[in-house]
Amino acid sequence: MNYIKRIRDLREDHDDTQQEIADLLGTSQTMYARYERGANELPIHHLIKLCKYYNVSADYILGIKDEK
Protein backbone atom coordinates (compact mmCIF):
# COMPACT_ATOMS: atom_id res chain seq x y z
CA MET A 1 0.00 0.00 0.00
CA ASN A 2 2.51 2.56 -1.15
CA TYR A 3 -0.28 4.99 -1.96
CA ILE A 4 -1.03 5.59 1.73
CA LYS A 5 2.27 7.36 2.28
CA ARG A 6 2.10 9.09 -1.11
CA ILE A 7 -1.31 10.68 -0.56
CA ARG A 8 -0.30 11.91 2.89
CA ASP A 9 3.03 13.26 1.62
CA LEU A 10 1.37 15.02 -1.33
CA ARG A 11 -1.19 16.61 0.98
CA GLU A 12 1.42 17.76 3.47
CA ASP A 13 3.81 19.00 0.76
CA HIS A 14 1.01 21.21 -0.58
CA ASP A 15 0.02 22.42 2.91
CA ASP A 16 -3.48 21.01 2.50
CA THR A 17 -5.54 19.82 5.43
CA GLN A 18 -7.39 16.54 5.50
CA GLN A 19 -10.62 18.55 5.51
CA GLU A 20 -9.63 20.44 2.34
CA ILE A 21 -8.88 17.21 0.50
CA ALA A 22 -12.04 15.57 1.85
CA ASP A 23 -14.03 18.52 0.49
CA LEU A 24 -12.32 18.15 -2.90
CA LEU A 25 -13.22 14.46 -2.97
CA GLY A 26 -16.76 15.00 -1.69
CA THR A 27 -16.25 12.88 1.39
CA SER A 28 -15.86 13.46 5.11
CA GLN A 29 -12.60 14.27 6.85
CA THR A 30 -13.03 11.09 8.87
CA MET A 31 -13.24 8.95 5.74
CA TYR A 32 -10.25 10.68 4.16
CA ALA A 33 -8.25 10.09 7.35
CA ARG A 34 -9.16 6.40 7.03
CA TYR A 35 -7.68 6.39 3.51
CA GLU A 36 -4.42 7.87 4.85
CA ARG A 37 -4.28 5.26 7.61
CA GLY A 38 -5.07 2.40 5.27
CA ALA A 39 -8.25 1.50 7.15
CA ASN A 40 -10.24 1.94 3.92
CA GLU A 41 -9.08 1.56 0.34
CA LEU A 42 -9.03 4.67 -1.80
CA PRO A 43 -11.76 4.44 -4.47
CA ILE A 44 -10.58 4.87 -8.04
CA HIS A 45 -12.70 7.98 -8.60
CA HIS A 46 -10.91 9.60 -5.66
CA LEU A 47 -7.55 8.49 -7.05
CA ILE A 48 -8.39 10.21 -10.34
CA LYS A 49 -9.37 13.45 -8.57
CA LEU A 50 -6.15 13.42 -6.54
CA CYS A 51 -4.07 12.85 -9.70
CA LYS A 52 -5.70 15.83 -11.39
CA TYR A 53 -5.46 18.03 -8.28
CA TYR A 54 -1.78 17.32 -7.64
CA ASN A 55 -0.91 16.96 -11.35
CA VAL A 56 0.68 13.56 -10.89
CA SER A 57 0.07 10.16 -12.47
CA ALA A 58 -1.81 7.31 -10.89
CA ASP A 59 1.39 5.28 -11.29
CA TYR A 60 3.17 7.80 -9.07
CA ILE A 61 0.54 7.68 -6.32
CA LEU A 62 0.32 3.89 -6.51
CA GLY A 63 4.10 3.48 -6.51
CA ILE A 64 4.17 1.57 -9.80
CA LYS A 65 7.53 1.50 -11.51
CA ASP A 66 8.11 0.93 -15.20
CA GLU A 67 8.95 -2.66 -16.01
CA LYS A 68 12.05 -2.78 -18.21
PDB file of N, CA and C in Angstrom:
ATOM      1  N   MET A   1       0.827  -1.202   0.000  1.00  0.00           N
ATOM      2  CA  MET A   1       0.000   0.000   0.000  1.00  0.00           C
ATOM      3  C   MET A   1       0.860   1.251   0.000  1.00  0.00           C
ATOM      4  N   ASN A   2       1.653   1.387  -1.029  1.00  0.00           N
ATOM      5  CA  ASN A   2       2.510   2.561  -1.154  1.00  0.00           C
ATOM      6  C   ASN A   2       1.713   3.851  -1.236  1.00  0.00           C
ATOM      7  N   TYR A   3       0.494   3.765  -1.743  1.00  0.00           N
ATOM      8  CA  TYR A   3      -0.278   4.989  -1.960  1.00  0.00           C
ATOM      9  C   TYR A   3      -0.627   5.693  -0.654  1.00  0.00           C
ATOM     10  N   ILE A   4      -0.687   4.970   0.445  1.00  0.00           N
ATOM     11  CA  ILE A   4      -1.035   5.586   1.728  1.00  0.00           C
ATOM     12  C   ILE A   4      -0.037   6.688   2.074  1.00  0.00           C
ATOM     13  N   LYS A   5       1.237   6.361   1.996  1.00  0.00           N
ATOM     14  CA  LYS A   5       2.270   7.356   2.280  1.00  0.00           C
ATOM     15  C   LYS A   5       2.273   8.468   1.228  1.00  0.00           C
ATOM     16  N   ARG A   6       2.065   8.086  -0.030  1.00  0.00           N
ATOM     17  CA  ARG A   6       2.096   9.092  -1.106  1.00  0.00           C
ATOM     18  C   ARG A   6       0.992  10.131  -0.950  1.00  0.00           C
ATOM     19  N   ILE A   7      -0.233   9.695  -0.644  1.00  0.00           N
ATOM     20  CA  ILE A   7      -1.312  10.680  -0.560  1.00  0.00           C
ATOM     21  C   ILE A   7      -1.122  11.600   0.648  1.00  0.00           C
ATOM     22  N   ARG A   8      -0.587  11.064   1.723  1.00  0.00           N
ATOM     23  CA  ARG A   8      -0.299  11.910   2.888  1.00  0.00           C
ATOM     24  C   ARG A   8       0.823  12.891   2.578  1.00  0.00           C
ATOM     25  N   ASP A   9       1.903  12.391   1.954  1.00  0.00           N
ATOM     26  CA  ASP A   9       3.032  13.257   1.618  1.00  0.00           C
ATOM     27  C   ASP A   9       2.620  14.356   0.641  1.00  0.00           C
ATOM     28  N   LEU A  10       1.836  14.005  -0.371  1.00  0.00           N
ATOM     29  CA  LEU A  10       1.371  15.017  -1.326  1.00  0.00           C
ATOM     30  C   LEU A  10       0.549  16.091  -0.611  1.00  0.00           C
ATOM     31  N   ARG A  11      -0.354  15.651   0.243  1.00  0.00           N
ATOM     32  CA  ARG A  11      -1.192  16.608   0.976  1.00  0.00           C
ATOM     33  C   ARG A  11      -0.350  17.529   1.844  1.00  0.00           C
ATOM     34  N   GLU A  12       0.573  16.957   2.587  1.00  0.00           N
ATOM     35  CA  GLU A  12       1.416  17.758   3.474  1.00  0.00           C
ATOM     36  C   GLU A  12       2.357  18.672   2.688  1.00  0.00           C
ATOM     37  N   ASP A  13       2.909  18.181   1.580  1.00  0.00           N
ATOM     38  CA  ASP A  13       3.807  18.997   0.758  1.00  0.00           C
ATOM     39  C   ASP A  13       3.098  20.211   0.165  1.00  0.00           C
ATOM     40  N   HIS A  14       1.786  20.101  -0.021  1.00  0.00           N
ATOM     41  CA  HIS A  14       1.005  21.210  -0.575  1.00  0.00           C
ATOM     42  C   HIS A  14       0.287  22.013   0.514  1.00  0.00           C
ATOM     43  N   ASP A  15       0.618  21.728   1.759  1.00  0.00           N
ATOM     44  CA  ASP A  15       0.023  22.417   2.912  1.00  0.00           C
ATOM     45  C   ASP A  15      -1.504  22.352   2.911  1.00  0.00           C
ATOM     46  N   ASP A  16      -2.033  21.224   2.466  1.00  0.00           N
ATOM     47  CA  ASP A  16      -3.480  21.007   2.496  1.00  0.00           C
ATOM     48  C   ASP A  16      -3.852  20.276   3.774  1.00  0.00           C
ATOM     49  N   THR A  17      -5.037  20.559   4.272  1.00  0.00           N
ATOM     50  CA  THR A  17      -5.535  19.825   5.429  1.00  0.00           C
ATOM     51  C   THR A  17      -6.333  18.615   4.945  1.00  0.00           C
ATOM     52  N   GLN A  18      -6.545  17.684   5.849  1.00  0.00           N
ATOM     53  CA  GLN A  18      -7.389  16.544   5.503  1.00  0.00           C
ATOM     54  C   GLN A  18      -8.785  17.020   5.129  1.00  0.00           C
ATOM     55  N   GLN A  19      -9.278  18.039   5.812  1.00  0.00           N
ATOM     56  CA  GLN A  19     -10.616  18.553   5.513  1.00  0.00           C
ATOM     57  C   GLN A  19     -10.675  19.139   4.103  1.00  0.00           C
ATOM     58  N   GLU A  20      -9.643  19.862   3.693  1.00  0.00           N
ATOM     59  CA  GLU A  20      -9.626  20.442   2.343  1.00  0.00           C
ATOM     60  C   GLU A  20      -9.661  19.345   1.274  1.00  0.00           C
ATOM     61  N   ILE A  21      -8.895  18.298   1.482  1.00  0.00           N
ATOM     62  CA  ILE A  21      -8.883  17.207   0.501  1.00  0.00           C
ATOM     63  C   ILE A  21     -10.190  16.431   0.557  1.00  0.00           C
ATOM     64  N   ALA A  22     -10.732  16.238   1.733  1.00  0.00           N
ATOM     65  CA  ALA A  22     -12.039  15.571   1.850  1.00  0.00           C
ATOM     66  C   ALA A  22     -13.101  16.361   1.095  1.00  0.00           C
ATOM     67  N   ASP A  23     -13.078  17.678   1.213  1.00  0.00           N
ATOM     68  CA  ASP A  23     -14.033  18.519   0.489  1.00  0.00           C
ATOM     69  C   ASP A  23     -13.853  18.366  -1.019  1.00  0.00           C
ATOM     70  N   LEU A  24     -12.611  18.347  -1.472  1.00  0.00           N
ATOM     71  CA  LEU A  24     -12.317  18.152  -2.895  1.00  0.00           C
ATOM     72  C   LEU A  24     -12.902  16.829  -3.392  1.00  0.00           C
ATOM     73  N   LEU A  25     -12.770  15.795  -2.585  1.00  0.00           N
ATOM     74  CA  LEU A  25     -13.222  14.463  -2.968  1.00  0.00           C
ATOM     75  C   LEU A  25     -14.716  14.246  -2.726  1.00  0.00           C
ATOM     76  N   GLY A  26     -15.341  15.155  -1.999  1.00  0.00           N
ATOM     77  CA  GLY A  26     -16.756  15.005  -1.695  1.00  0.00           C
ATOM     78  C   GLY A  26     -17.018  13.942  -0.648  1.00  0.00           C
ATOM     79  N   THR A  27     -16.099  13.844   0.305  1.00  0.00           N
ATOM     80  CA  THR A  27     -16.247  12.875   1.387  1.00  0.00           C
ATOM     81  C   THR A  27     -16.000  13.581   2.714  1.00  0.00           C
ATOM     82  N   SER A  28     -16.087  12.857   3.792  1.00  0.00           N
ATOM     83  CA  SER A  28     -15.856  13.455   5.107  1.00  0.00           C
ATOM     84  C   SER A  28     -14.364  13.423   5.456  1.00  0.00           C
ATOM     85  N   GLN A  29     -13.983  14.269   6.372  1.00  0.00           N
ATOM     86  CA  GLN A  29     -12.597  14.273   6.849  1.00  0.00           C
ATOM     87  C   GLN A  29     -12.273  12.943   7.511  1.00  0.00           C
ATOM     88  N   THR A  30     -13.233  12.384   8.211  1.00  0.00           N
ATOM     89  CA  THR A  30     -13.029  11.092   8.875  1.00  0.00           C
ATOM     90  C   THR A  30     -12.723   9.997   7.860  1.00  0.00           C
ATOM     91  N   MET A  31     -13.477   9.973   6.769  1.00  0.00           N
ATOM     92  CA  MET A  31     -13.244   8.952   5.743  1.00  0.00           C
ATOM     93  C   MET A  31     -11.894   9.170   5.076  1.00  0.00           C
ATOM     94  N   TYR A  32     -11.553  10.421   4.779  1.00  0.00           N
ATOM     95  CA  TYR A  32     -10.249  10.677   4.165  1.00  0.00           C
ATOM     96  C   TYR A  32      -9.119  10.247   5.103  1.00  0.00           C
ATOM     97  N   ALA A  33      -9.260  10.518   6.379  1.00  0.00           N
ATOM     98  CA  ALA A  33      -8.251  10.095   7.353  1.00  0.00           C
ATOM     99  C   ALA A  33      -8.112   8.567   7.333  1.00  0.00           C
ATOM    100  N   ARG A  34      -9.207   7.862   7.120  1.00  0.00           N
ATOM    101  CA  ARG A  34      -9.163   6.401   7.033  1.00  0.00           C
ATOM    102  C   ARG A  34      -8.382   5.957   5.798  1.00  0.00           C
ATOM    103  N   TYR A  35      -8.482   6.706   4.701  1.00  0.00           N
ATOM    104  CA  TYR A  35      -7.676   6.388   3.512  1.00  0.00           C
ATOM    105  C   TYR A  35      -6.188   6.532   3.839  1.00  0.00           C
ATOM    106  N   GLU A  36      -5.835   7.626   4.515  1.00  0.00           N
ATOM    107  CA  GLU A  36      -4.423   7.868   4.846  1.00  0.00           C
ATOM    108  C   GLU A  36      -3.873   6.854   5.836  1.00  0.00           C
ATOM    109  N   ARG A  37      -4.719   6.284   6.656  1.00  0.00           N
ATOM    110  CA  ARG A  37      -4.280   5.259   7.615  1.00  0.00           C
ATOM    111  C   ARG A  37      -4.306   3.862   7.019  1.00  0.00           C
ATOM    112  N   GLY A  38      -4.960   3.719   5.884  1.00  0.00           N
ATOM    113  CA  GLY A  38      -5.075   2.401   5.270  1.00  0.00           C
ATOM    114  C   GLY A  38      -6.226   1.588   5.812  1.00  0.00           C
ATOM    115  N   ALA A  39      -7.096   2.208   6.607  1.00  0.00           N
ATOM    116  CA  ALA A  39      -8.250   1.502   7.152  1.00  0.00           C
ATOM    117  C   ALA A  39      -9.297   1.242   6.072  1.00  0.00           C
ATOM    118  N   ASN A  40      -9.354   2.120   5.069  1.00  0.00           N
ATOM    119  CA  ASN A  40     -10.241   1.944   3.917  1.00  0.00           C
ATOM    120  C   ASN A  40      -9.413   2.128   2.656  1.00  0.00           C
ATOM    121  N   GLU A  41      -9.772   1.390   1.616  1.00  0.00           N
ATOM    122  CA  GLU A  41      -9.080   1.557   0.343  1.00  0.00           C
ATOM    123  C   GLU A  41      -9.596   2.805  -0.368  1.00  0.00           C
ATOM    124  N   LEU A  42      -8.697   3.469  -1.048  1.00  0.00           N
ATOM    125  CA  LEU A  42      -9.029   4.675  -1.797  1.00  0.00           C
ATOM    126  C   LEU A  42      -9.789   4.276  -3.065  1.00  0.00           C
ATOM    127  N   PRO A  43     -11.023   4.759  -3.242  1.00  0.00           N
ATOM    128  CA  PRO A  43     -11.763   4.444  -4.467  1.00  0.00           C
ATOM    129  C   PRO A  43     -11.085   5.056  -5.697  1.00  0.00           C
ATOM    130  N   ILE A  44     -11.246   4.408  -6.825  1.00  0.00           N
ATOM    131  CA  ILE A  44     -10.578   4.865  -8.039  1.00  0.00           C
ATOM    132  C   ILE A  44     -11.016   6.270  -8.435  1.00  0.00           C
ATOM    133  N   HIS A  45     -12.277   6.623  -8.227  1.00  0.00           N
ATOM    134  CA  HIS A  45     -12.703   7.976  -8.598  1.00  0.00           C
ATOM    135  C   HIS A  45     -12.020   9.032  -7.721  1.00  0.00           C
ATOM    136  N   HIS A  46     -11.676   8.673  -6.504  1.00  0.00           N
ATOM    137  CA  HIS A  46     -10.915   9.598  -5.661  1.00  0.00           C
ATOM    138  C   HIS A  46      -9.456   9.653  -6.110  1.00  0.00           C
ATOM    139  N   LEU A  47      -8.914   8.525  -6.518  1.00  0.00           N
ATOM    140  CA  LEU A  47      -7.551   8.492  -7.050  1.00  0.00           C
ATOM    141  C   LEU A  47      -7.438   9.427  -8.254  1.00  0.00           C
ATOM    142  N   ILE A  48      -8.402   9.363  -9.143  1.00  0.00           N
ATOM    143  CA  ILE A  48      -8.387  10.213 -10.339  1.00  0.00           C
ATOM    144  C   ILE A  48      -8.431  11.684  -9.956  1.00  0.00           C
ATOM    145  N   LYS A  49      -9.295  12.050  -9.012  1.00  0.00           N
ATOM    146  CA  LYS A  49      -9.373  13.452  -8.575  1.00  0.00           C
ATOM    147  C   LYS A  49      -8.055  13.919  -7.959  1.00  0.00           C
ATOM    148  N   LEU A  50      -7.431  13.050  -7.152  1.00  0.00           N
ATOM    149  CA  LEU A  50      -6.151  13.418  -6.541  1.00  0.00           C
ATOM    150  C   LEU A  50      -5.065  13.595  -7.603  1.00  0.00           C
ATOM    151  N   CYS A  51      -5.049  12.733  -8.608  1.00  0.00           N
ATOM    152  CA  CYS A  51      -4.072  12.850  -9.698  1.00  0.00           C
ATOM    153  C   CYS A  51      -4.219  14.185 -10.404  1.00  0.00           C
ATOM    154  N   LYS A  52      -5.449  14.556 -10.706  1.00  0.00           N
ATOM    155  CA  LYS A  52      -5.705  15.828 -11.387  1.00  0.00           C
ATOM    156  C   LYS A  52      -5.347  17.012 -10.483  1.00  0.00           C
ATOM    157  N   TYR A  53      -5.711  16.930  -9.227  1.00  0.00           N
ATOM    158  CA  TYR A  53      -5.460  18.033  -8.285  1.00  0.00           C
ATOM    159  C   TYR A  53      -3.967  18.263  -8.083  1.00  0.00           C
ATOM    160  N   TYR A  54      -3.213  17.191  -7.896  1.00  0.00           N
ATOM    161  CA  TYR A  54      -1.778  17.318  -7.644  1.00  0.00           C
ATOM    162  C   TYR A  54      -0.941  17.261  -8.920  1.00  0.00           C
ATOM    163  N   ASN A  55      -1.602  17.030 -10.061  1.00  0.00           N
ATOM    164  CA  ASN A  55      -0.909  16.963 -11.355  1.00  0.00           C
ATOM    165  C   ASN A  55       0.178  15.887 -11.348  1.00  0.00           C
ATOM    166  N   VAL A  56      -0.215  14.714 -10.895  1.00  0.00           N
ATOM    167  CA  VAL A  56       0.682  13.558 -10.887  1.00  0.00           C
ATOM    168  C   VAL A  56      -0.055  12.374 -11.521  1.00  0.00           C
ATOM    169  N   SER A  57       0.688  11.350 -11.879  1.00  0.00           N
ATOM    170  CA  SER A  57       0.075  10.162 -12.472  1.00  0.00           C
ATOM    171  C   SER A  57      -0.427   9.210 -11.387  1.00  0.00           C
ATOM    172  N   ALA A  58      -1.349   8.367 -11.791  1.00  0.00           N
ATOM    173  CA  ALA A  58      -1.812   7.311 -10.888  1.00  0.00           C
ATOM    174  C   ALA A  58      -0.658   6.367 -10.558  1.00  0.00           C
ATOM    175  N   ASP A  59       0.211   6.119 -11.548  1.00  0.00           N
ATOM    176  CA  ASP A  59       1.386   5.279 -11.294  1.00  0.00           C
ATOM    177  C   ASP A  59       2.225   5.852 -10.162  1.00  0.00           C
ATOM    178  N   TYR A  60       2.386   7.170 -10.136  1.00  0.00           N
ATOM    179  CA  TYR A  60       3.172   7.800  -9.068  1.00  0.00           C
ATOM    180  C   TYR A  60       2.509   7.555  -7.704  1.00  0.00           C
ATOM    181  N   ILE A  61       1.225   7.850  -7.600  1.00  0.00           N
ATOM    182  CA  ILE A  61       0.537   7.677  -6.317  1.00  0.00           C
ATOM    183  C   ILE A  61       0.564   6.214  -5.880  1.00  0.00           C
ATOM    184  N   LEU A  62       0.371   5.310  -6.841  1.00  0.00           N
ATOM    185  CA  LEU A  62       0.321   3.888  -6.508  1.00  0.00           C
ATOM    186  C   LEU A  62       1.693   3.257  -6.324  1.00  0.00           C
ATOM    187  N   GLY A  63       2.745   3.992  -6.678  1.00  0.00           N
ATOM    188  CA  GLY A  63       4.096   3.481  -6.513  1.00  0.00           C
ATOM    189  C   GLY A  63       4.474   2.428  -7.540  1.00  0.00           C
ATOM    190  N   ILE A  64       3.881   2.533  -8.730  1.00  0.00           N
ATOM    191  CA  ILE A  64       4.169   1.571  -9.800  1.00  0.00           C
ATOM    192  C   ILE A  64       5.368   2.052 -10.585  1.00  0.00           C
ATOM    193  N   LYS A  65       6.334   1.170 -10.747  1.00  0.00           N
ATOM    194  CA  LYS A  65       7.530   1.502 -11.507  1.00  0.00           C
ATOM    195  C   LYS A  65       7.453   0.848 -12.867  1.00  0.00           C
ATOM    196  N   ASP A  66       8.079   1.491 -13.855  1.00  0.00           N
ATOM    197  CA  ASP A  66       8.107   0.931 -15.205  1.00  0.00           C
ATOM    198  C   ASP A  66       8.854  -0.386 -15.195  1.00  0.00           C
ATOM    199  N   GLU A  67       8.286  -1.364 -15.849  1.00  0.00           N
ATOM    200  CA  GLU A  67       8.952  -2.661 -16.010  1.00  0.00           C
ATOM    201  C   GLU A  67       9.851  -2.555 -17.240  1.00  0.00           C
ATOM    202  N   LYS A  68      11.113  -2.885 -17.088  1.00  0.00           N
ATOM    203  CA  LYS A  68      12.045  -2.783 -18.206  1.00  0.00           C
ATOM    204  C   LYS A  68      12.740  -4.097 -18.440  1.00  0.00           C
TER     205      LYS A  68
END
